[in-house]
Amino acid sequence: MTENKTQPTGSDVTAFLEAVENPVRRADGLALDALFRDVTGYGPRMWGPTIVGYGRYHYRYDSGREGDFLATGFSPRKANLSIYIMPGYQDYGTILARLGKHKLGKSCLYVNRLSDIDTDVLSELIRAGLRDLDARWPVSGP
């Protein structure tokens, strides 16, 4: 079996966030870090070179493939903020309807800037995603 391409690293999260070039994206990344710490109760950990993750889970698919991955997190990318809710977004339509301006991927939410969304609703979404993930695969700390 091949390992996940995205693995936890020992890189410093704060140094990564403070090095983000765009000042709005940097400030949004630092604000997201505080929000994720508060909502999840977990400290951050870098996953790969650009993803800040909170918590982790071990999965095993019916195919036999298994591994560890971040439970939730974000990446302050150049084009937007990518926010990861691992169960995906298919069951969160009522929450997403109240979030504000965003786009969706399979398990990724794209936001241009935090000022475009309601961060209280984002907190609700993160909690819901962690609860649903934990019901399938137990979530633990860093």
N, C-alpha and C. Protein backbone atom coordinates (compact mmCIF):
# COMPACT_ATOMS: atom_id res chain seq x y z
N MET A 1 0.84 -1.19 0.00
CA MET A 1 0.00 0.00 0.00
C MET A 1 0.89 1.25 0.00
N THR A 2 0.45 2.24 -0.73
CA THR A 2 1.18 3.50 -0.75
C THR A 2 0.70 4.38 0.40
N GLU A 3 1.61 5.20 0.89
CA GLU A 3 1.25 6.12 1.96
C GLU A 3 0.60 7.37 1.37
N ASN A 4 -0.15 8.07 2.22
CA ASN A 4 -0.70 9.35 1.81
C ASN A 4 0.43 10.29 1.44
N LYS A 5 0.20 11.09 0.42
CA LYS A 5 1.19 12.08 0.02
C LYS A 5 1.33 13.16 1.10
N THR A 6 0.22 13.50 1.75
CA THR A 6 0.22 14.54 2.77
C THR A 6 0.44 13.90 4.14
N GLN A 7 1.59 14.21 4.74
CA GLN A 7 1.98 13.65 6.03
C GLN A 7 2.25 14.79 7.01
N PRO A 8 2.10 14.53 8.32
CA PRO A 8 2.44 15.57 9.30
C PRO A 8 3.94 15.84 9.28
N THR A 9 4.29 17.08 9.54
CA THR A 9 5.70 17.48 9.57
C THR A 9 6.00 18.13 10.91
N GLY A 10 7.24 18.45 11.13
CA GLY A 10 7.63 19.15 12.34
C GLY A 10 7.75 20.65 12.14
N SER A 11 7.30 21.15 11.00
CA SER A 11 7.42 22.58 10.70
C SER A 11 6.60 23.41 11.68
N ASP A 12 7.06 24.63 11.92
CA ASP A 12 6.43 25.55 12.86
C ASP A 12 5.22 26.22 12.20
N VAL A 13 4.05 26.02 12.77
CA VAL A 13 2.80 26.56 12.21
C VAL A 13 2.81 28.08 12.21
N THR A 14 3.18 28.69 13.33
CA THR A 14 3.17 30.15 13.42
C THR A 14 4.13 30.77 12.42
N ALA A 15 5.32 30.19 12.28
CA ALA A 15 6.29 30.70 11.30
C ALA A 15 5.72 30.59 9.89
N PHE A 16 5.06 29.48 9.59
CA PHE A 16 4.44 29.31 8.27
C PHE A 16 3.40 30.39 8.02
N LEU A 17 2.50 30.60 8.98
CA LEU A 17 1.43 31.58 8.80
C LEU A 17 1.97 33.00 8.72
N GLU A 18 2.96 33.31 9.53
CA GLU A 18 3.53 34.67 9.50
C GLU A 18 4.32 34.95 8.23
N ALA A 19 4.70 33.89 7.51
CA ALA A 19 5.46 34.05 6.26
C ALA A 19 4.56 34.18 5.03
N VAL A 20 3.25 34.07 5.20
CA VAL A 20 2.34 34.22 4.06
C VAL A 20 2.49 35.64 3.52
N GLU A 21 2.76 35.76 2.22
CA GLU A 21 3.08 37.06 1.62
C GLU A 21 1.95 38.06 1.65
N ASN A 22 0.77 37.66 1.22
CA ASN A 22 -0.36 38.56 1.14
C ASN A 22 -0.81 38.93 2.56
N PRO A 23 -0.83 40.22 2.90
CA PRO A 23 -1.16 40.61 4.28
C PRO A 23 -2.58 40.23 4.72
N VAL A 24 -3.55 40.27 3.80
CA VAL A 24 -4.92 39.87 4.16
C VAL A 24 -4.96 38.36 4.38
N ARG A 25 -4.34 37.61 3.50
CA ARG A 25 -4.31 36.15 3.64
C ARG A 25 -3.57 35.74 4.91
N ARG A 26 -2.48 36.47 5.23
CA ARG A 26 -1.73 36.21 6.47
C ARG A 26 -2.61 36.44 7.69
N ALA A 27 -3.28 37.59 7.73
CA ALA A 27 -4.15 37.91 8.87
C ALA A 27 -5.30 36.90 8.97
N ASP A 28 -5.87 36.52 7.83
CA ASP A 28 -6.94 35.53 7.84
C ASP A 28 -6.43 34.18 8.32
N GLY A 29 -5.22 33.81 7.92
CA GLY A 29 -4.64 32.54 8.37
C GLY A 29 -4.43 32.53 9.87
N LEU A 30 -3.93 33.61 10.41
CA LEU A 30 -3.72 33.69 11.86
C LEU A 30 -5.06 33.67 12.60
N ALA A 31 -6.07 34.33 12.04
CA ALA A 31 -7.40 34.32 12.65
C ALA A 31 -8.01 32.92 12.58
N LEU A 32 -7.83 32.23 11.45
CA LEU A 32 -8.34 30.86 11.35
C LEU A 32 -7.64 29.94 12.34
N ASP A 33 -6.35 30.13 12.54
CA ASP A 33 -5.62 29.32 13.52
C ASP A 33 -6.27 29.47 14.90
N ALA A 34 -6.53 30.69 15.29
CA ALA A 34 -7.16 30.93 16.60
C ALA A 34 -8.55 30.29 16.66
N LEU A 35 -9.33 30.43 15.59
CA LEU A 35 -10.67 29.87 15.54
C LEU A 35 -10.63 28.34 15.62
N PHE A 36 -9.77 27.69 14.84
CA PHE A 36 -9.67 26.23 14.85
C PHE A 36 -9.18 25.72 16.21
N ARG A 37 -8.22 26.41 16.82
CA ARG A 37 -7.76 26.00 18.16
C ARG A 37 -8.92 26.02 19.14
N ASP A 38 -9.69 27.11 19.08
CA ASP A 38 -10.81 27.28 20.01
C ASP A 38 -11.90 26.23 19.77
N VAL A 39 -12.29 26.04 18.53
CA VAL A 39 -13.39 25.14 18.20
C VAL A 39 -13.02 23.67 18.43
N THR A 40 -11.79 23.29 18.03
CA THR A 40 -11.42 21.88 18.11
C THR A 40 -10.83 21.48 19.45
N GLY A 41 -10.19 22.43 20.13
CA GLY A 41 -9.47 22.10 21.35
C GLY A 41 -8.11 21.47 21.09
N TYR A 42 -7.72 21.39 19.82
CA TYR A 42 -6.43 20.80 19.45
C TYR A 42 -5.45 21.89 19.03
N GLY A 43 -4.18 21.65 19.30
CA GLY A 43 -3.14 22.51 18.78
C GLY A 43 -2.92 22.18 17.31
N PRO A 44 -2.35 23.12 16.56
CA PRO A 44 -2.14 22.90 15.14
C PRO A 44 -0.89 22.08 14.85
N ARG A 45 -0.90 21.47 13.70
CA ARG A 45 0.27 20.75 13.21
C ARG A 45 0.30 20.91 11.69
N MET A 46 1.48 21.12 11.14
CA MET A 46 1.62 21.21 9.69
C MET A 46 1.48 19.81 9.09
N TRP A 47 0.71 19.74 8.02
CA TRP A 47 0.55 18.53 7.22
C TRP A 47 1.04 18.90 5.83
N GLY A 48 2.15 18.30 5.43
CA GLY A 48 2.77 18.72 4.18
C GLY A 48 3.28 20.15 4.36
N PRO A 49 3.64 20.79 3.27
CA PRO A 49 4.23 22.13 3.39
C PRO A 49 3.23 23.26 3.59
N THR A 50 1.91 23.03 3.35
CA THR A 50 1.00 24.17 3.34
C THR A 50 -0.33 23.98 4.06
N ILE A 51 -0.58 22.83 4.68
CA ILE A 51 -1.86 22.61 5.35
C ILE A 51 -1.67 22.63 6.86
N VAL A 52 -2.48 23.43 7.54
CA VAL A 52 -2.48 23.48 9.00
C VAL A 52 -3.63 22.59 9.47
N GLY A 53 -3.29 21.52 10.20
CA GLY A 53 -4.30 20.56 10.61
C GLY A 53 -4.52 20.54 12.11
N TYR A 54 -5.72 20.12 12.50
CA TYR A 54 -6.13 20.04 13.90
C TYR A 54 -6.74 18.67 14.12
N GLY A 55 -6.17 17.93 15.04
CA GLY A 55 -6.63 16.57 15.29
C GLY A 55 -6.22 15.65 14.16
N ARG A 56 -6.44 14.36 14.41
CA ARG A 56 -6.12 13.36 13.38
C ARG A 56 -7.03 12.17 13.58
N TYR A 57 -7.12 11.35 12.56
CA TYR A 57 -7.90 10.13 12.65
C TYR A 57 -7.22 9.04 11.84
N HIS A 58 -7.50 7.81 12.21
CA HIS A 58 -6.99 6.66 11.48
C HIS A 58 -8.16 6.04 10.73
N TYR A 59 -8.00 5.85 9.43
CA TYR A 59 -9.07 5.26 8.63
C TYR A 59 -8.63 3.91 8.08
N ARG A 60 -9.61 3.07 7.82
CA ARG A 60 -9.39 1.80 7.13
C ARG A 60 -10.58 1.59 6.20
N TYR A 61 -10.30 1.61 4.90
CA TYR A 61 -11.35 1.41 3.91
C TYR A 61 -11.62 -0.08 3.71
N ASP A 62 -12.76 -0.40 3.12
CA ASP A 62 -13.09 -1.79 2.82
C ASP A 62 -12.05 -2.44 1.92
N SER A 63 -11.37 -1.64 1.11
CA SER A 63 -10.33 -2.14 0.20
C SER A 63 -9.09 -2.61 0.95
N GLY A 64 -9.00 -2.24 2.24
CA GLY A 64 -7.81 -2.57 3.03
C GLY A 64 -6.86 -1.40 3.17
N ARG A 65 -7.03 -0.39 2.34
CA ARG A 65 -6.16 0.81 2.45
C ARG A 65 -6.45 1.47 3.79
N GLU A 66 -5.39 1.88 4.48
CA GLU A 66 -5.55 2.57 5.76
C GLU A 66 -4.45 3.60 5.93
N GLY A 67 -4.68 4.51 6.84
CA GLY A 67 -3.70 5.54 7.11
C GLY A 67 -4.21 6.53 8.14
N ASP A 68 -3.43 7.56 8.35
CA ASP A 68 -3.77 8.64 9.27
C ASP A 68 -3.89 9.93 8.48
N PHE A 69 -4.81 10.79 8.92
CA PHE A 69 -4.96 12.06 8.23
C PHE A 69 -5.48 13.10 9.21
N LEU A 70 -5.32 14.39 8.83
CA LEU A 70 -5.81 15.47 9.68
C LEU A 70 -7.32 15.40 9.77
N ALA A 71 -7.86 15.75 10.91
CA ALA A 71 -9.31 15.71 11.11
C ALA A 71 -9.99 16.93 10.49
N THR A 72 -9.37 18.07 10.58
CA THR A 72 -9.88 19.31 9.99
C THR A 72 -8.71 20.28 9.88
N GLY A 73 -8.87 21.32 9.12
CA GLY A 73 -7.78 22.28 8.98
C GLY A 73 -8.01 23.24 7.83
N PHE A 74 -6.93 23.92 7.45
CA PHE A 74 -7.03 24.92 6.39
C PHE A 74 -5.66 25.16 5.77
N SER A 75 -5.69 25.84 4.64
CA SER A 75 -4.46 26.28 3.99
C SER A 75 -4.69 27.67 3.42
N PRO A 76 -3.82 28.62 3.75
CA PRO A 76 -3.94 29.97 3.18
C PRO A 76 -3.26 30.02 1.81
N ARG A 77 -3.91 29.53 0.80
CA ARG A 77 -3.35 29.47 -0.55
C ARG A 77 -3.40 30.85 -1.20
N LYS A 78 -2.64 31.03 -2.27
CA LYS A 78 -2.60 32.32 -2.94
C LYS A 78 -3.97 32.75 -3.46
N ALA A 79 -4.71 31.82 -4.06
CA ALA A 79 -5.99 32.15 -4.67
C ALA A 79 -7.12 32.30 -3.67
N ASN A 80 -7.05 31.56 -2.54
CA ASN A 80 -8.14 31.58 -1.57
C ASN A 80 -7.72 30.83 -0.31
N LEU A 81 -8.60 30.84 0.67
CA LEU A 81 -8.43 30.02 1.86
C LEU A 81 -9.12 28.69 1.59
N SER A 82 -8.40 27.60 1.75
CA SER A 82 -8.99 26.27 1.59
C SER A 82 -9.23 25.72 2.98
N ILE A 83 -10.48 25.35 3.26
CA ILE A 83 -10.86 24.85 4.58
C ILE A 83 -11.33 23.41 4.41
N TYR A 84 -10.72 22.51 5.20
CA TYR A 84 -10.95 21.08 5.04
C TYR A 84 -11.87 20.53 6.13
N ILE A 85 -12.98 19.97 5.69
CA ILE A 85 -13.91 19.26 6.57
C ILE A 85 -13.94 17.84 6.02
N MET A 86 -13.32 16.90 6.71
CA MET A 86 -13.05 15.60 6.12
C MET A 86 -14.26 14.75 5.75
N PRO A 87 -15.40 14.82 6.43
CA PRO A 87 -16.54 14.03 5.94
C PRO A 87 -17.10 14.56 4.62
N GLY A 88 -16.64 15.70 4.16
CA GLY A 88 -17.19 16.33 2.98
C GLY A 88 -18.32 17.27 3.37
N TYR A 89 -18.94 17.89 2.39
CA TYR A 89 -19.93 18.93 2.66
C TYR A 89 -21.35 18.54 2.26
N GLN A 90 -21.53 17.30 1.80
CA GLN A 90 -22.82 16.92 1.25
C GLN A 90 -23.98 17.03 2.24
N ASP A 91 -23.75 16.82 3.52
CA ASP A 91 -24.83 16.84 4.50
C ASP A 91 -24.95 18.17 5.26
N TYR A 92 -24.27 19.20 4.81
CA TYR A 92 -24.23 20.44 5.57
C TYR A 92 -24.88 21.62 4.84
N GLY A 93 -25.83 21.33 3.97
CA GLY A 93 -26.46 22.38 3.18
C GLY A 93 -27.12 23.47 3.99
N THR A 94 -27.76 23.11 5.09
CA THR A 94 -28.44 24.13 5.90
C THR A 94 -27.43 25.06 6.58
N ILE A 95 -26.28 24.52 6.96
CA ILE A 95 -25.24 25.36 7.56
C ILE A 95 -24.60 26.22 6.47
N LEU A 96 -24.26 25.61 5.34
CA LEU A 96 -23.61 26.33 4.25
C LEU A 96 -24.47 27.47 3.72
N ALA A 97 -25.79 27.32 3.78
CA ALA A 97 -26.70 28.36 3.30
C ALA A 97 -26.56 29.64 4.12
N ARG A 98 -26.07 29.51 5.34
CA ARG A 98 -25.91 30.68 6.23
C ARG A 98 -24.47 31.18 6.30
N LEU A 99 -23.55 30.50 5.62
CA LEU A 99 -22.12 30.79 5.76
C LEU A 99 -21.69 32.10 5.12
N GLY A 100 -22.16 32.37 3.92
CA GLY A 100 -21.68 33.53 3.17
C GLY A 100 -21.04 33.05 1.87
N LYS A 101 -20.28 33.92 1.25
CA LYS A 101 -19.70 33.66 -0.08
C LYS A 101 -18.62 32.58 0.00
N HIS A 102 -18.84 31.48 -0.74
CA HIS A 102 -17.90 30.37 -0.75
C HIS A 102 -18.11 29.50 -1.99
N LYS A 103 -17.15 28.63 -2.24
CA LYS A 103 -17.26 27.60 -3.28
C LYS A 103 -16.90 26.27 -2.62
N LEU A 104 -17.38 25.18 -3.21
CA LEU A 104 -17.15 23.86 -2.63
C LEU A 104 -16.34 22.94 -3.54
N GLY A 105 -15.51 22.11 -2.90
CA GLY A 105 -14.89 20.96 -3.51
C GLY A 105 -15.42 19.75 -2.76
N LYS A 106 -14.83 18.57 -2.95
CA LYS A 106 -15.34 17.37 -2.30
C LYS A 106 -15.28 17.47 -0.77
N SER A 107 -14.12 17.74 -0.22
CA SER A 107 -14.01 17.92 1.23
C SER A 107 -13.32 19.24 1.54
N CYS A 108 -13.45 20.18 0.61
CA CYS A 108 -12.75 21.45 0.72
C CYS A 108 -13.72 22.61 0.45
N LEU A 109 -13.64 23.59 1.31
CA LEU A 109 -14.42 24.81 1.18
C LEU A 109 -13.46 25.92 0.77
N TYR A 110 -13.79 26.67 -0.26
CA TYR A 110 -12.94 27.75 -0.73
C TYR A 110 -13.58 29.09 -0.38
N VAL A 111 -12.81 29.93 0.29
CA VAL A 111 -13.27 31.25 0.72
C VAL A 111 -12.22 32.27 0.28
N ASN A 112 -12.65 33.37 -0.32
CA ASN A 112 -11.70 34.39 -0.75
C ASN A 112 -11.06 35.11 0.44
N ARG A 113 -11.90 35.47 1.41
CA ARG A 113 -11.39 36.14 2.62
C ARG A 113 -12.40 35.90 3.75
N LEU A 114 -11.90 35.93 4.97
CA LEU A 114 -12.78 35.67 6.11
C LEU A 114 -13.92 36.68 6.21
N SER A 115 -13.69 37.89 5.76
CA SER A 115 -14.75 38.90 5.83
C SER A 115 -15.94 38.56 4.93
N ASP A 116 -15.79 37.58 4.03
CA ASP A 116 -16.88 37.15 3.16
C ASP A 116 -17.84 36.17 3.84
N ILE A 117 -17.45 35.63 5.01
CA ILE A 117 -18.26 34.60 5.65
C ILE A 117 -18.55 34.95 7.11
N ASP A 118 -19.48 34.23 7.68
CA ASP A 118 -19.82 34.36 9.09
C ASP A 118 -18.98 33.33 9.85
N THR A 119 -18.03 33.78 10.64
CA THR A 119 -17.13 32.85 11.32
C THR A 119 -17.84 32.04 12.42
N ASP A 120 -18.95 32.54 12.95
CA ASP A 120 -19.73 31.73 13.89
C ASP A 120 -20.33 30.52 13.17
N VAL A 121 -20.77 30.73 11.95
CA VAL A 121 -21.31 29.63 11.15
C VAL A 121 -20.18 28.67 10.76
N LEU A 122 -19.01 29.22 10.45
CA LEU A 122 -17.86 28.36 10.15
C LEU A 122 -17.53 27.49 11.37
N SER A 123 -17.57 28.06 12.56
CA SER A 123 -17.32 27.29 13.79
C SER A 123 -18.33 26.15 13.91
N GLU A 124 -19.58 26.43 13.63
CA GLU A 124 -20.63 25.41 13.67
C GLU A 124 -20.33 24.29 12.65
N LEU A 125 -19.87 24.68 11.48
CA LEU A 125 -19.54 23.72 10.44
C LEU A 125 -18.36 22.83 10.84
N ILE A 126 -17.34 23.42 11.43
CA ILE A 126 -16.18 22.65 11.89
C ILE A 126 -16.61 21.65 12.96
N ARG A 127 -17.42 22.10 13.92
CA ARG A 127 -17.91 21.19 14.97
C ARG A 127 -18.71 20.03 14.39
N ALA A 128 -19.59 20.34 13.44
CA ALA A 128 -20.41 19.30 12.81
C ALA A 128 -19.53 18.31 12.06
N GLY A 129 -18.55 18.80 11.34
CA GLY A 129 -17.65 17.92 10.60
C GLY A 129 -16.86 17.01 11.52
N LEU A 130 -16.35 17.55 12.61
CA LEU A 130 -15.60 16.74 13.58
C LEU A 130 -16.50 15.69 14.24
N ARG A 131 -17.70 16.08 14.58
CA ARG A 131 -18.64 15.15 15.21
C ARG A 131 -18.94 13.99 14.26
N ASP A 132 -19.22 14.30 13.00
CA ASP A 132 -19.55 13.26 12.03
C ASP A 132 -18.35 12.37 11.71
N LEU A 133 -17.17 12.97 11.61
CA LEU A 133 -15.96 12.18 11.37
C LEU A 133 -15.69 11.26 12.55
N ASP A 134 -15.81 11.79 13.77
CA ASP A 134 -15.54 11.01 14.98
C ASP A 134 -16.52 9.84 15.13
N ALA A 135 -17.72 9.97 14.60
CA ALA A 135 -18.70 8.88 14.67
C ALA A 135 -18.27 7.70 13.80
N ARG A 136 -17.47 7.98 12.76
CA ARG A 136 -17.02 6.92 11.87
C ARG A 136 -15.61 6.44 12.22
N TRP A 137 -14.70 7.39 12.38
CA TRP A 137 -13.32 7.10 12.73
C TRP A 137 -12.94 8.02 13.87
N PRO A 138 -12.64 7.49 15.05
CA PRO A 138 -12.35 8.33 16.21
C PRO A 138 -11.24 9.36 15.95
N VAL A 139 -11.51 10.57 16.37
CA VAL A 139 -10.58 11.68 16.22
C VAL A 139 -9.79 11.83 17.52
N SER A 140 -8.49 12.07 17.38
CA SER A 140 -7.64 12.29 18.55
C SER A 140 -6.80 13.54 18.35
N GLY A 141 -6.05 13.90 19.36
CA GLY A 141 -5.21 15.10 19.31
C GLY A 141 -4.06 14.95 18.34
N PRO A 142 -3.22 15.96 18.30
CA PRO A 142 -2.15 16.05 17.31
C PRO A 142 -1.31 14.81 17.28
